[in-house]
Amino acid sequence: MFGKKSKEVKAEAAKASKTANMKKLEDLYYAAEDARKRAYAPYSDFKVGAALLVKPNEDSVLPINKIYTGVNIENGSYGATLCAERVAFAKAISDGILEYDIGENPFIAIAVSAGDEEALPCGICRQFMSEFAPEITIVTKADGQIRIRNLMQLLPEGFQLEKKEKEETEEPAEEKPADEKPAAEEVPEAVEPELIVEEPAENEEPAEETEE
């Protein structure tokens, strides 16, 4: 009897957790939908918003479950166009997320919104995201339903190059006392250029003046 009740409690807890996670992902999608309003798409009028969910570790100075948003930014030179997903990642990385979370992948999920139609990340964005979060959850919406996929489903054969480990052979620079000022660099004195004046040779006769 006790075992059966215990299983029921665990099942209820798992169901509640799943419901809470689903609610969190729905809220993430709505954040992407809201960000979409700020997209810059004057050429295609195809506006996309993205919302990246980040979970810092215990040592992080960032708040728990921070969301970074991004939008697509078009350019007259189409190759310079930025996708919403990469913008969101770039904002998080430039904010120092990777430094705060060394040893742990902080990227949990990313939601992408393009209005009424479903928008899945393009190939470049999939490979870009796999650099930092190969197992990230992708959240989209189609036919009024939230859809959840894993990046590995969308990019089954993505690749990652082997990263070089940082060498710890460099000795730390000696610290100088706070009151000690660095020696001023000597500035060389300006040297005036030597003027060379060519004088006519002694046996050289001056040119005769011609009458006009």
N, C-alpha and C. Protein backbone atom coordinates (compact mmCIF):
# COMPACT_ATOMS: atom_id res chain seq x y z
N MET A 1 0.83 -1.20 0.00
CA MET A 1 0.00 0.00 0.00
C MET A 1 0.87 1.25 0.00
N PHE A 2 1.90 1.21 0.87
CA PHE A 2 2.79 2.35 0.98
C PHE A 2 3.54 2.57 -0.34
N GLY A 3 3.98 1.44 -0.94
CA GLY A 3 4.71 1.55 -2.20
C GLY A 3 3.86 2.13 -3.30
N LYS A 4 2.59 1.74 -3.37
CA LYS A 4 1.69 2.24 -4.39
C LYS A 4 1.45 3.73 -4.21
N LYS A 5 1.28 4.15 -2.94
CA LYS A 5 1.05 5.56 -2.66
C LYS A 5 2.28 6.38 -3.01
N SER A 6 3.45 5.83 -2.72
CA SER A 6 4.70 6.51 -3.03
C SER A 6 4.85 6.73 -4.53
N LYS A 7 4.46 5.70 -5.31
CA LYS A 7 4.54 5.84 -6.76
C LYS A 7 3.57 6.90 -7.27
N GLU A 8 2.40 6.96 -6.64
CA GLU A 8 1.41 7.95 -7.05
C GLU A 8 1.91 9.37 -6.75
N VAL A 9 2.57 9.53 -5.61
CA VAL A 9 3.12 10.84 -5.23
C VAL A 9 4.21 11.26 -6.22
N LYS A 10 5.08 10.30 -6.56
CA LYS A 10 6.14 10.59 -7.51
C LYS A 10 5.58 10.95 -8.88
N ALA A 11 4.51 10.23 -9.27
CA ALA A 11 3.90 10.50 -10.56
C ALA A 11 3.28 11.89 -10.59
N GLU A 12 2.63 12.25 -9.49
CA GLU A 12 2.02 13.58 -9.39
C GLU A 12 3.09 14.67 -9.41
N ALA A 13 4.20 14.39 -8.72
CA ALA A 13 5.30 15.36 -8.68
C ALA A 13 5.91 15.54 -10.07
N ALA A 14 6.08 14.42 -10.77
CA ALA A 14 6.64 14.48 -12.12
C ALA A 14 5.71 15.24 -13.06
N LYS A 15 4.40 15.00 -12.90
CA LYS A 15 3.41 15.68 -13.73
C LYS A 15 3.43 17.18 -13.46
N ALA A 16 3.52 17.54 -12.17
CA ALA A 16 3.56 18.96 -11.79
C ALA A 16 4.81 19.63 -12.34
N SER A 17 5.93 18.90 -12.27
CA SER A 17 7.19 19.44 -12.78
C SER A 17 7.12 19.65 -14.29
N LYS A 18 6.52 18.68 -14.98
CA LYS A 18 6.39 18.78 -16.43
C LYS A 18 5.48 19.95 -16.81
N THR A 19 4.41 20.13 -16.06
CA THR A 19 3.50 21.24 -16.30
C THR A 19 4.20 22.58 -16.08
N ALA A 20 5.00 22.65 -15.02
CA ALA A 20 5.74 23.88 -14.71
C ALA A 20 6.76 24.19 -15.80
N ASN A 21 7.45 23.14 -16.28
CA ASN A 21 8.43 23.33 -17.35
C ASN A 21 7.75 23.78 -18.63
N MET A 22 6.59 23.20 -18.92
CA MET A 22 5.84 23.57 -20.12
C MET A 22 5.40 25.03 -20.05
N LYS A 23 4.96 25.44 -18.86
CA LYS A 23 4.54 26.83 -18.65
C LYS A 23 5.73 27.76 -18.86
N LYS A 24 6.89 27.34 -18.39
CA LYS A 24 8.09 28.15 -18.54
C LYS A 24 8.47 28.31 -20.02
N LEU A 25 8.33 27.23 -20.78
CA LEU A 25 8.64 27.29 -22.21
C LEU A 25 7.62 28.12 -22.98
N GLU A 26 6.36 28.05 -22.54
CA GLU A 26 5.33 28.89 -23.16
C GLU A 26 5.63 30.37 -22.92
N ASP A 27 6.02 30.69 -21.69
CA ASP A 27 6.37 32.08 -21.37
C ASP A 27 7.58 32.52 -22.18
N LEU A 28 8.50 31.60 -22.41
CA LEU A 28 9.68 31.91 -23.22
C LEU A 28 9.28 32.25 -24.65
N TYR A 29 8.32 31.48 -25.17
CA TYR A 29 7.85 31.76 -26.53
C TYR A 29 7.18 33.13 -26.61
N TYR A 30 6.40 33.47 -25.61
CA TYR A 30 5.74 34.77 -25.61
C TYR A 30 6.76 35.90 -25.51
N ALA A 31 7.87 35.65 -24.84
CA ALA A 31 8.95 36.66 -24.79
C ALA A 31 9.55 36.86 -26.17
N ALA A 32 9.67 35.76 -26.93
CA ALA A 32 10.18 35.85 -28.30
C ALA A 32 9.17 36.59 -29.19
N GLU A 33 7.92 36.32 -28.96
CA GLU A 33 6.86 36.96 -29.73
C GLU A 33 6.84 38.47 -29.48
N ASP A 34 7.08 38.85 -28.24
CA ASP A 34 7.12 40.26 -27.90
C ASP A 34 8.35 40.93 -28.51
N ALA A 35 9.48 40.24 -28.48
CA ALA A 35 10.71 40.79 -29.05
C ALA A 35 10.58 40.99 -30.56
N ARG A 36 9.80 40.16 -31.19
CA ARG A 36 9.61 40.21 -32.64
C ARG A 36 9.16 41.59 -33.12
N LYS A 37 8.46 42.33 -32.28
CA LYS A 37 7.97 43.66 -32.65
C LYS A 37 9.12 44.62 -32.95
N ARG A 38 10.30 44.32 -32.43
CA ARG A 38 11.45 45.21 -32.59
C ARG A 38 12.37 44.78 -33.73
N ALA A 39 11.94 43.81 -34.52
CA ALA A 39 12.77 43.33 -35.63
C ALA A 39 12.95 44.42 -36.69
N TYR A 40 14.09 44.37 -37.38
CA TYR A 40 14.36 45.32 -38.46
C TYR A 40 14.37 44.53 -39.76
N ALA A 41 13.26 44.55 -40.47
CA ALA A 41 13.12 43.76 -41.70
C ALA A 41 12.44 44.59 -42.79
N PRO A 42 13.07 45.70 -43.23
CA PRO A 42 12.42 46.57 -44.22
C PRO A 42 12.37 45.98 -45.62
N TYR A 43 13.14 44.93 -45.89
CA TYR A 43 13.20 44.38 -47.24
C TYR A 43 12.26 43.19 -47.43
N SER A 44 12.21 42.32 -46.45
CA SER A 44 11.36 41.13 -46.57
C SER A 44 10.05 41.26 -45.79
N ASP A 45 10.04 42.13 -44.80
CA ASP A 45 8.91 42.28 -43.88
C ASP A 45 8.63 40.97 -43.15
N PHE A 46 9.64 40.11 -43.07
CA PHE A 46 9.53 38.85 -42.34
C PHE A 46 10.23 39.04 -41.01
N LYS A 47 9.47 39.32 -39.97
CA LYS A 47 10.03 39.65 -38.67
C LYS A 47 10.10 38.42 -37.77
N VAL A 48 11.26 38.25 -37.13
CA VAL A 48 11.49 37.09 -36.27
C VAL A 48 12.00 37.58 -34.91
N GLY A 49 11.51 36.95 -33.86
CA GLY A 49 11.99 37.24 -32.51
C GLY A 49 12.49 35.96 -31.85
N ALA A 50 13.46 36.08 -31.01
CA ALA A 50 14.00 34.92 -30.30
C ALA A 50 14.18 35.27 -28.82
N ALA A 51 14.03 34.27 -27.97
CA ALA A 51 14.23 34.44 -26.53
C ALA A 51 15.06 33.27 -26.02
N LEU A 52 16.21 33.57 -25.46
CA LEU A 52 17.15 32.55 -25.00
C LEU A 52 17.11 32.46 -23.47
N LEU A 53 16.82 31.26 -22.97
CA LEU A 53 16.74 31.04 -21.53
C LEU A 53 18.09 30.57 -21.00
N VAL A 54 18.61 31.31 -20.03
CA VAL A 54 19.92 31.02 -19.47
C VAL A 54 19.79 30.72 -17.99
N LYS A 55 20.45 29.68 -17.55
CA LYS A 55 20.43 29.30 -16.14
C LYS A 55 21.86 29.35 -15.59
N PRO A 56 22.21 30.44 -14.94
CA PRO A 56 23.56 30.55 -14.37
C PRO A 56 23.77 29.55 -13.24
N ASN A 57 25.03 29.23 -12.99
CA ASN A 57 25.30 28.32 -11.88
C ASN A 57 25.31 29.08 -10.55
N GLU A 58 25.64 28.40 -9.47
CA GLU A 58 25.53 29.01 -8.14
C GLU A 58 26.50 30.17 -7.95
N ASP A 59 27.63 30.15 -8.67
CA ASP A 59 28.63 31.20 -8.50
C ASP A 59 28.36 32.42 -9.39
N SER A 60 27.34 32.35 -10.21
CA SER A 60 27.08 33.42 -11.15
C SER A 60 26.51 34.65 -10.45
N VAL A 61 26.86 35.81 -11.00
CA VAL A 61 26.32 37.06 -10.46
C VAL A 61 25.02 37.44 -11.16
N LEU A 62 24.64 36.66 -12.16
CA LEU A 62 23.42 36.95 -12.88
C LEU A 62 22.21 36.32 -12.19
N PRO A 63 21.03 36.88 -12.38
CA PRO A 63 19.83 36.29 -11.78
C PRO A 63 19.51 34.94 -12.40
N ILE A 64 18.79 34.11 -11.68
CA ILE A 64 18.44 32.78 -12.18
C ILE A 64 17.45 32.90 -13.34
N ASN A 65 17.62 32.03 -14.31
CA ASN A 65 16.72 31.96 -15.46
C ASN A 65 16.56 33.32 -16.17
N LYS A 66 17.67 33.90 -16.51
CA LYS A 66 17.65 35.17 -17.24
C LYS A 66 17.30 34.90 -18.70
N ILE A 67 16.57 35.82 -19.32
CA ILE A 67 16.18 35.67 -20.72
C ILE A 67 16.85 36.76 -21.54
N TYR A 68 17.53 36.34 -22.62
CA TYR A 68 18.11 37.28 -23.57
C TYR A 68 17.29 37.21 -24.86
N THR A 69 16.85 38.34 -25.34
CA THR A 69 16.05 38.37 -26.57
C THR A 69 16.89 38.82 -27.75
N GLY A 70 16.41 38.47 -28.94
CA GLY A 70 17.08 38.89 -30.17
C GLY A 70 16.05 39.03 -31.28
N VAL A 71 16.40 39.80 -32.30
CA VAL A 71 15.52 39.98 -33.46
C VAL A 71 16.37 39.87 -34.72
N ASN A 72 15.71 39.58 -35.84
CA ASN A 72 16.46 39.58 -37.09
C ASN A 72 16.72 41.03 -37.51
N ILE A 73 17.92 41.26 -38.01
CA ILE A 73 18.35 42.60 -38.43
C ILE A 73 18.83 42.50 -39.87
N GLU A 74 18.01 42.97 -40.79
CA GLU A 74 18.35 42.86 -42.21
C GLU A 74 19.33 43.96 -42.63
N ASN A 75 19.96 43.71 -43.78
CA ASN A 75 20.91 44.67 -44.33
C ASN A 75 20.76 44.68 -45.85
N GLY A 76 21.02 45.84 -46.46
CA GLY A 76 20.94 45.94 -47.91
C GLY A 76 21.86 44.93 -48.59
N SER A 77 22.98 44.61 -47.92
CA SER A 77 23.84 43.52 -48.36
C SER A 77 23.37 42.28 -47.59
N TYR A 78 22.59 41.43 -48.26
CA TYR A 78 21.88 40.35 -47.54
C TYR A 78 22.79 39.47 -46.71
N GLY A 79 24.04 39.31 -47.11
CA GLY A 79 24.96 38.47 -46.35
C GLY A 79 25.28 39.03 -44.98
N ALA A 80 25.03 40.33 -44.79
CA ALA A 80 25.31 40.97 -43.50
C ALA A 80 24.11 40.89 -42.56
N THR A 81 23.03 40.29 -43.01
CA THR A 81 21.83 40.16 -42.18
C THR A 81 22.09 39.25 -40.99
N LEU A 82 21.55 39.60 -39.84
CA LEU A 82 21.69 38.80 -38.62
C LEU A 82 20.37 38.14 -38.28
N CYS A 83 20.42 36.86 -37.91
CA CYS A 83 19.22 36.15 -37.49
C CYS A 83 18.95 36.40 -36.00
N ALA A 84 17.70 36.31 -35.62
CA ALA A 84 17.32 36.58 -34.23
C ALA A 84 18.01 35.66 -33.24
N GLU A 85 18.17 34.38 -33.61
CA GLU A 85 18.77 33.42 -32.69
C GLU A 85 20.23 33.79 -32.38
N ARG A 86 20.97 34.17 -33.41
CA ARG A 86 22.38 34.52 -33.19
C ARG A 86 22.52 35.82 -32.42
N VAL A 87 21.59 36.74 -32.64
CA VAL A 87 21.62 38.00 -31.89
C VAL A 87 21.43 37.73 -30.40
N ALA A 88 20.49 36.85 -30.06
CA ALA A 88 20.24 36.51 -28.66
C ALA A 88 21.47 35.86 -28.02
N PHE A 89 22.08 34.93 -28.73
CA PHE A 89 23.29 34.28 -28.22
C PHE A 89 24.43 35.28 -28.07
N ALA A 90 24.59 36.16 -29.05
CA ALA A 90 25.67 37.14 -29.00
C ALA A 90 25.51 38.07 -27.80
N LYS A 91 24.28 38.46 -27.51
CA LYS A 91 24.03 39.33 -26.35
C LYS A 91 24.41 38.61 -25.06
N ALA A 92 24.05 37.34 -24.95
CA ALA A 92 24.35 36.59 -23.73
C ALA A 92 25.85 36.38 -23.56
N ILE A 93 26.52 36.03 -24.65
CA ILE A 93 27.96 35.77 -24.58
C ILE A 93 28.73 37.06 -24.31
N SER A 94 28.32 38.15 -24.96
CA SER A 94 29.01 39.43 -24.72
C SER A 94 28.75 39.96 -23.32
N ASP A 95 27.70 39.46 -22.69
CA ASP A 95 27.39 39.84 -21.31
C ASP A 95 28.22 39.03 -20.31
N GLY A 96 29.02 38.08 -20.81
CA GLY A 96 29.91 37.33 -19.94
C GLY A 96 29.38 36.01 -19.45
N ILE A 97 28.31 35.50 -20.08
CA ILE A 97 27.72 34.24 -19.61
C ILE A 97 28.74 33.11 -19.57
N LEU A 98 29.55 32.98 -20.58
CA LEU A 98 30.49 31.87 -20.62
C LEU A 98 31.54 31.98 -19.53
N GLU A 99 31.90 33.19 -19.15
CA GLU A 99 32.88 33.37 -18.07
C GLU A 99 32.27 33.02 -16.72
N TYR A 100 30.99 33.34 -16.54
CA TYR A 100 30.33 33.05 -15.28
C TYR A 100 30.06 31.57 -15.09
N ASP A 101 29.94 30.84 -16.19
CA ASP A 101 29.49 29.46 -16.11
C ASP A 101 30.49 28.47 -16.69
N ILE A 102 31.76 28.69 -16.42
CA ILE A 102 32.78 27.79 -16.92
C ILE A 102 32.55 26.38 -16.36
N GLY A 103 32.56 25.40 -17.23
CA GLY A 103 32.38 24.02 -16.81
C GLY A 103 30.94 23.57 -16.82
N GLU A 104 30.01 24.47 -17.09
CA GLU A 104 28.60 24.07 -17.12
C GLU A 104 27.90 24.81 -18.24
N ASN A 105 27.11 24.09 -19.02
CA ASN A 105 26.41 24.73 -20.13
C ASN A 105 25.21 25.51 -19.60
N PRO A 106 25.21 26.83 -19.73
CA PRO A 106 24.13 27.63 -19.14
C PRO A 106 22.90 27.78 -20.03
N PHE A 107 23.01 27.41 -21.31
CA PHE A 107 21.91 27.65 -22.24
C PHE A 107 20.90 26.50 -22.19
N ILE A 108 19.68 26.81 -21.77
CA ILE A 108 18.66 25.79 -21.58
C ILE A 108 17.77 25.62 -22.79
N ALA A 109 17.17 26.73 -23.25
CA ALA A 109 16.21 26.67 -24.35
C ALA A 109 16.18 28.00 -25.08
N ILE A 110 15.75 27.94 -26.34
CA ILE A 110 15.57 29.15 -27.12
C ILE A 110 14.25 29.04 -27.87
N ALA A 111 13.44 30.09 -27.77
CA ALA A 111 12.16 30.13 -28.47
C ALA A 111 12.28 31.06 -29.67
N VAL A 112 11.61 30.68 -30.76
CA VAL A 112 11.66 31.47 -31.99
C VAL A 112 10.24 31.74 -32.46
N SER A 113 9.94 33.01 -32.72
CA SER A 113 8.60 33.40 -33.16
C SER A 113 8.67 34.19 -34.45
N ALA A 114 7.80 33.81 -35.40
CA ALA A 114 7.69 34.55 -36.67
C ALA A 114 6.24 34.86 -36.98
N GLY A 115 5.44 35.03 -35.94
CA GLY A 115 4.04 35.36 -36.15
C GLY A 115 3.19 34.12 -36.33
N ASP A 116 2.35 34.14 -37.34
CA ASP A 116 1.40 33.04 -37.55
C ASP A 116 2.05 31.76 -38.06
N GLU A 117 3.20 31.88 -38.73
CA GLU A 117 3.83 30.67 -39.26
C GLU A 117 5.01 30.24 -38.40
N GLU A 118 5.26 28.94 -38.39
CA GLU A 118 6.35 28.42 -37.59
C GLU A 118 7.69 28.80 -38.22
N ALA A 119 8.64 29.16 -37.38
CA ALA A 119 9.97 29.54 -37.86
C ALA A 119 11.02 28.70 -37.15
N LEU A 120 11.62 27.78 -37.86
CA LEU A 120 12.71 26.98 -37.31
C LEU A 120 14.04 27.66 -37.64
N PRO A 121 15.03 27.52 -36.78
CA PRO A 121 16.33 28.14 -37.04
C PRO A 121 16.92 27.66 -38.36
N CYS A 122 17.58 28.57 -39.08
CA CYS A 122 18.21 28.21 -40.35
C CYS A 122 19.45 27.36 -40.08
N GLY A 123 20.06 26.84 -41.13
CA GLY A 123 21.22 25.96 -40.97
C GLY A 123 22.39 26.64 -40.27
N ILE A 124 22.66 27.90 -40.63
CA ILE A 124 23.77 28.62 -40.00
C ILE A 124 23.52 28.77 -38.50
N CYS A 125 22.27 29.12 -38.14
CA CYS A 125 21.95 29.29 -36.71
C CYS A 125 22.05 27.96 -35.96
N ARG A 126 21.65 26.88 -36.60
CA ARG A 126 21.76 25.57 -35.93
C ARG A 126 23.21 25.23 -35.63
N GLN A 127 24.09 25.45 -36.61
CA GLN A 127 25.50 25.17 -36.39
C GLN A 127 26.09 26.15 -35.37
N PHE A 128 25.66 27.41 -35.43
CA PHE A 128 26.13 28.42 -34.48
C PHE A 128 25.77 28.01 -33.05
N MET A 129 24.52 27.59 -32.84
CA MET A 129 24.08 27.22 -31.50
C MET A 129 24.77 25.95 -31.01
N SER A 130 25.06 25.04 -31.93
CA SER A 130 25.70 23.78 -31.51
C SER A 130 27.11 24.01 -30.97
N GLU A 131 27.70 25.15 -31.30
CA GLU A 131 29.02 25.50 -30.76
C GLU A 131 28.95 25.66 -29.25
N PHE A 132 27.83 26.16 -28.75
CA PHE A 132 27.70 26.48 -27.34
C PHE A 132 26.70 25.60 -26.59
N ALA A 133 25.70 25.07 -27.31
CA ALA A 133 24.65 24.30 -26.64
C ALA A 133 24.11 23.23 -27.58
N PRO A 134 24.85 22.15 -27.81
CA PRO A 134 24.42 21.12 -28.77
C PRO A 134 23.12 20.41 -28.39
N GLU A 135 22.70 20.50 -27.13
CA GLU A 135 21.49 19.82 -26.70
C GLU A 135 20.40 20.80 -26.27
N ILE A 136 20.48 22.02 -26.74
CA ILE A 136 19.51 23.03 -26.34
C ILE A 136 18.12 22.69 -26.87
N THR A 137 17.10 23.10 -26.14
CA THR A 137 15.71 22.88 -26.54
C THR A 137 15.25 24.02 -27.44
N ILE A 138 14.61 23.67 -28.55
CA ILE A 138 14.08 24.65 -29.50
C ILE A 138 12.56 24.72 -29.33
N VAL A 139 12.05 25.92 -29.07
CA VAL A 139 10.61 26.11 -28.86
C VAL A 139 10.03 26.95 -30.00
N THR A 140 9.01 26.42 -30.67
CA THR A 140 8.32 27.15 -31.74
C THR A 140 6.81 26.99 -31.54
N LYS A 141 6.06 27.54 -32.46
CA LYS A 141 4.61 27.42 -32.37
C LYS A 141 4.04 27.20 -33.76
N ALA A 142 3.15 26.23 -33.90
CA ALA A 142 2.51 25.93 -35.18
C ALA A 142 1.08 25.48 -34.93
N ASP A 143 0.16 26.02 -35.73
CA ASP A 143 -1.26 25.68 -35.59
C ASP A 143 -1.77 25.93 -34.17
N GLY A 144 -1.25 26.97 -33.54
CA GLY A 144 -1.69 27.32 -32.20
C GLY A 144 -1.12 26.46 -31.09
N GLN A 145 -0.21 25.53 -31.42
CA GLN A 145 0.35 24.63 -30.43
C GLN A 145 1.86 24.87 -30.27
N ILE A 146 2.31 24.87 -29.01
CA ILE A 146 3.74 24.98 -28.75
C ILE A 146 4.42 23.68 -29.13
N ARG A 147 5.50 23.79 -29.88
CA ARG A 147 6.25 22.59 -30.30
C ARG A 147 7.65 22.65 -29.70
N ILE A 148 8.10 21.51 -29.23
CA ILE A 148 9.40 21.43 -28.56
C ILE A 148 10.26 20.39 -29.27
N ARG A 149 11.48 20.79 -29.61
CA ARG A 149 12.44 19.89 -30.24
C ARG A 149 13.80 20.08 -29.60
N ASN A 150 14.65 19.09 -29.81
CA ASN A 150 16.03 19.19 -29.37
C ASN A 150 16.88 19.58 -30.57
N LEU A 151 17.91 20.39 -30.35
CA LEU A 151 18.75 20.84 -31.47
C LEU A 151 19.35 19.66 -32.23
N MET A 152 19.63 18.58 -31.54
CA MET A 152 20.23 17.42 -32.19
C MET A 152 19.26 16.78 -33.19
N GLN A 153 17.96 17.00 -33.00
CA GLN A 153 16.98 16.52 -33.97
C GLN A 153 17.05 17.35 -35.25
N LEU A 154 17.32 18.64 -35.10
CA LEU A 154 17.37 19.53 -36.26
C LEU A 154 18.74 19.54 -36.93
N LEU A 155 19.76 19.17 -36.16
CA LEU A 155 21.13 19.15 -36.70
C LEU A 155 21.80 17.85 -36.26
N PRO A 156 21.39 16.73 -36.86
CA PRO A 156 21.87 15.42 -36.39
C PRO A 156 23.35 15.18 -36.61
N GLU A 157 23.96 15.87 -37.57
CA GLU A 157 25.37 15.63 -37.86
C GLU A 157 26.16 16.93 -37.77
N GLY A 158 25.85 17.73 -36.78
CA GLY A 158 26.62 18.95 -36.58
C GLY A 158 28.04 18.60 -36.14
N PHE A 159 28.95 19.54 -36.29
CA PHE A 159 30.35 19.25 -35.94
C PHE A 159 30.88 20.32 -34.99
N GLN A 160 31.90 19.94 -34.24
CA GLN A 160 32.58 20.86 -33.34
C GLN A 160 34.08 20.62 -33.46
N LEU A 161 34.82 21.69 -33.62
CA LEU A 161 36.27 21.57 -33.69
C LEU A 161 36.84 21.39 -32.29
N GLU A 162 38.01 20.76 -32.22
CA GLU A 162 38.65 20.56 -30.93
C GLU A 162 39.22 21.87 -30.45
N LYS A 163 38.85 22.26 -29.25
CA LYS A 163 39.31 23.54 -28.70
C LYS A 163 40.68 23.36 -28.05
N LYS A 164 41.52 24.36 -28.21
CA LYS A 164 42.84 24.32 -27.60
C LYS A 164 42.73 24.72 -26.13
N GLU A 165 43.42 23.95 -25.29
CA GLU A 165 43.41 24.27 -23.87
C GLU A 165 44.37 25.42 -23.60
N LYS A 166 43.96 26.28 -22.67
CA LYS A 166 44.81 27.42 -22.33
C LYS A 166 46.04 26.94 -21.57
N GLU A 167 47.20 27.40 -22.02
CA GLU A 167 48.44 27.04 -21.34
C GLU A 167 48.63 27.91 -20.11
N GLU A 168 49.03 27.26 -19.02
CA GLU A 168 49.23 27.99 -17.77
C GLU A 168 50.71 28.17 -17.47
N THR A 169 51.49 28.44 -18.53
CA THR A 169 52.93 28.60 -18.36
C THR A 169 53.32 30.05 -18.11
N GLU A 170 52.43 30.96 -18.42
CA GLU A 170 52.75 32.37 -18.26
C GLU A 170 52.78 32.73 -16.78
N GLU A 171 53.86 33.41 -16.38
CA GLU A 171 53.98 33.84 -14.99
C GLU A 171 53.21 35.14 -14.81
N PRO A 172 52.53 35.27 -13.69
CA PRO A 172 51.78 36.51 -13.46
C PRO A 172 52.71 37.71 -13.34
N ALA A 173 52.26 38.83 -13.85
CA ALA A 173 53.07 40.04 -13.78
C ALA A 173 53.22 40.50 -12.34
N GLU A 174 54.41 41.02 -12.01
CA GLU A 174 54.65 41.48 -10.65
C GLU A 174 53.79 42.70 -10.36
N GLU A 175 53.16 42.64 -9.20
CA GLU A 175 52.30 43.76 -8.80
C GLU A 175 53.14 44.83 -8.12
N LYS A 176 52.91 46.08 -8.52
CA LYS A 176 53.63 47.19 -7.93
C LYS A 176 52.78 47.82 -6.84
N PRO A 177 53.45 48.37 -5.81
CA PRO A 177 52.68 49.03 -4.74
C PRO A 177 51.79 50.12 -5.32
N ALA A 178 50.64 50.33 -4.68
CA ALA A 178 49.68 51.29 -5.19
C ALA A 178 50.25 52.69 -5.27
N ASP A 179 51.16 53.07 -4.30
CA ASP A 179 51.68 54.44 -4.28
C ASP A 179 52.86 54.63 -5.21
N GLU A 180 53.34 53.55 -5.80
CA GLU A 180 54.48 53.65 -6.69
C GLU A 180 54.02 53.97 -8.10
N LYS A 181 54.52 55.08 -8.62
CA LYS A 181 54.13 55.50 -9.96
C LYS A 181 55.09 54.93 -10.98
N PRO A 182 54.58 54.53 -12.12
CA PRO A 182 55.46 54.00 -13.14
C PRO A 182 56.43 55.07 -13.63
N ALA A 183 57.66 54.64 -13.91
CA ALA A 183 58.67 55.59 -14.37
C ALA A 183 58.24 56.19 -15.70
N ALA A 184 58.45 57.50 -15.80
CA ALA A 184 58.07 58.18 -17.04
C ALA A 184 59.03 57.81 -18.15
N GLU A 185 58.49 57.57 -19.30
CA GLU A 185 59.33 57.22 -20.43
C GLU A 185 60.07 58.46 -20.92
N GLU A 186 61.36 58.27 -21.22
CA GLU A 186 62.15 59.38 -21.73
C GLU A 186 61.76 59.67 -23.18
N VAL A 187 61.48 60.94 -23.42
CA VAL A 187 61.11 61.34 -24.76
C VAL A 187 62.32 61.96 -25.43
N PRO A 188 62.77 61.42 -26.53
CA PRO A 188 63.97 61.98 -27.19
C PRO A 188 63.71 63.41 -27.65
N GLU A 189 64.78 64.26 -27.53
CA GLU A 189 64.66 65.64 -27.97
C GLU A 189 64.53 65.71 -29.49
N ALA A 190 63.75 66.69 -29.93
CA ALA A 190 63.58 66.87 -31.36
C ALA A 190 64.87 67.38 -31.97
N VAL A 191 65.28 66.82 -33.05
CA VAL A 191 66.51 67.22 -33.73
C VAL A 191 66.15 67.96 -35.00
N GLU A 192 66.66 69.19 -35.13
CA GLU A 192 66.37 69.96 -36.33
C GLU A 192 67.12 69.35 -37.52
N PRO A 193 66.47 69.27 -38.67
CA PRO A 193 67.15 68.70 -39.83
C PRO A 193 68.29 69.61 -40.29
N GLU A 194 69.38 69.01 -40.73
CA GLU A 194 70.55 69.77 -41.21
C GLU A 194 70.26 70.27 -42.62
N LEU A 195 70.44 71.60 -42.80
CA LEU A 195 70.20 72.18 -44.12
C LEU A 195 71.50 72.14 -44.91
N ILE A 196 71.42 71.63 -46.09
CA ILE A 196 72.60 71.55 -46.95
C ILE A 196 72.43 72.57 -48.08
N VAL A 197 73.33 73.55 -48.14
CA VAL A 197 73.28 74.60 -49.17
C VAL A 197 74.42 74.36 -50.14
N GLU A 198 74.12 74.17 -51.37
CA GLU A 198 75.16 73.96 -52.37
C GLU A 198 75.69 75.31 -52.85
N GLU A 199 76.98 75.55 -52.69
CA GLU A 199 77.62 76.78 -53.15
C GLU A 199 78.26 76.55 -54.53
N PRO A 200 78.24 77.56 -55.38
CA PRO A 200 78.85 77.39 -56.72
C PRO A 200 80.35 77.20 -56.61
N ALA A 201 80.89 76.42 -57.49
CA ALA A 201 82.34 76.18 -57.50
C ALA A 201 83.08 77.47 -57.83
N GLU A 202 84.36 77.59 -57.36
CA GLU A 202 85.13 78.82 -57.55
C GLU A 202 85.35 79.14 -59.02
N ASN A 203 85.57 78.16 -59.86
CA ASN A 203 85.86 78.39 -61.27
C ASN A 203 84.60 78.46 -62.12
N GLU A 204 83.43 78.39 -61.46
CA GLU A 204 82.18 78.42 -62.22
C GLU A 204 81.74 79.86 -62.38
N GLU A 205 81.58 80.31 -63.65
CA GLU A 205 81.17 81.68 -63.93
C GLU A 205 79.65 81.81 -63.85
N PRO A 206 79.21 82.97 -63.31
CA PRO A 206 77.75 83.16 -63.23
C PRO A 206 77.12 83.22 -64.60
N ALA A 207 75.92 82.80 -64.72
CA ALA A 207 75.23 82.79 -66.02
C ALA A 207 75.01 84.21 -66.48
N GLU A 208 75.23 84.47 -67.81
CA GLU A 208 75.05 85.80 -68.38
C GLU A 208 73.56 86.12 -68.47
N GLU A 209 73.26 87.42 -68.12
CA GLU A 209 71.89 87.85 -68.20
C GLU A 209 71.55 88.20 -69.64
N THR A 210 70.43 87.77 -70.12
CA THR A 210 70.04 88.07 -71.50
C THR A 210 69.10 89.24 -71.51
N GLU A 211 69.28 90.09 -72.54
CA GLU A 211 68.41 91.25 -72.66
C GLU A 211 67.12 90.83 -73.35
N GLU A 212 66.01 91.37 -72.85
CA GLU A 212 64.74 91.05 -73.45
C GLU A 212 64.48 91.97 -74.62
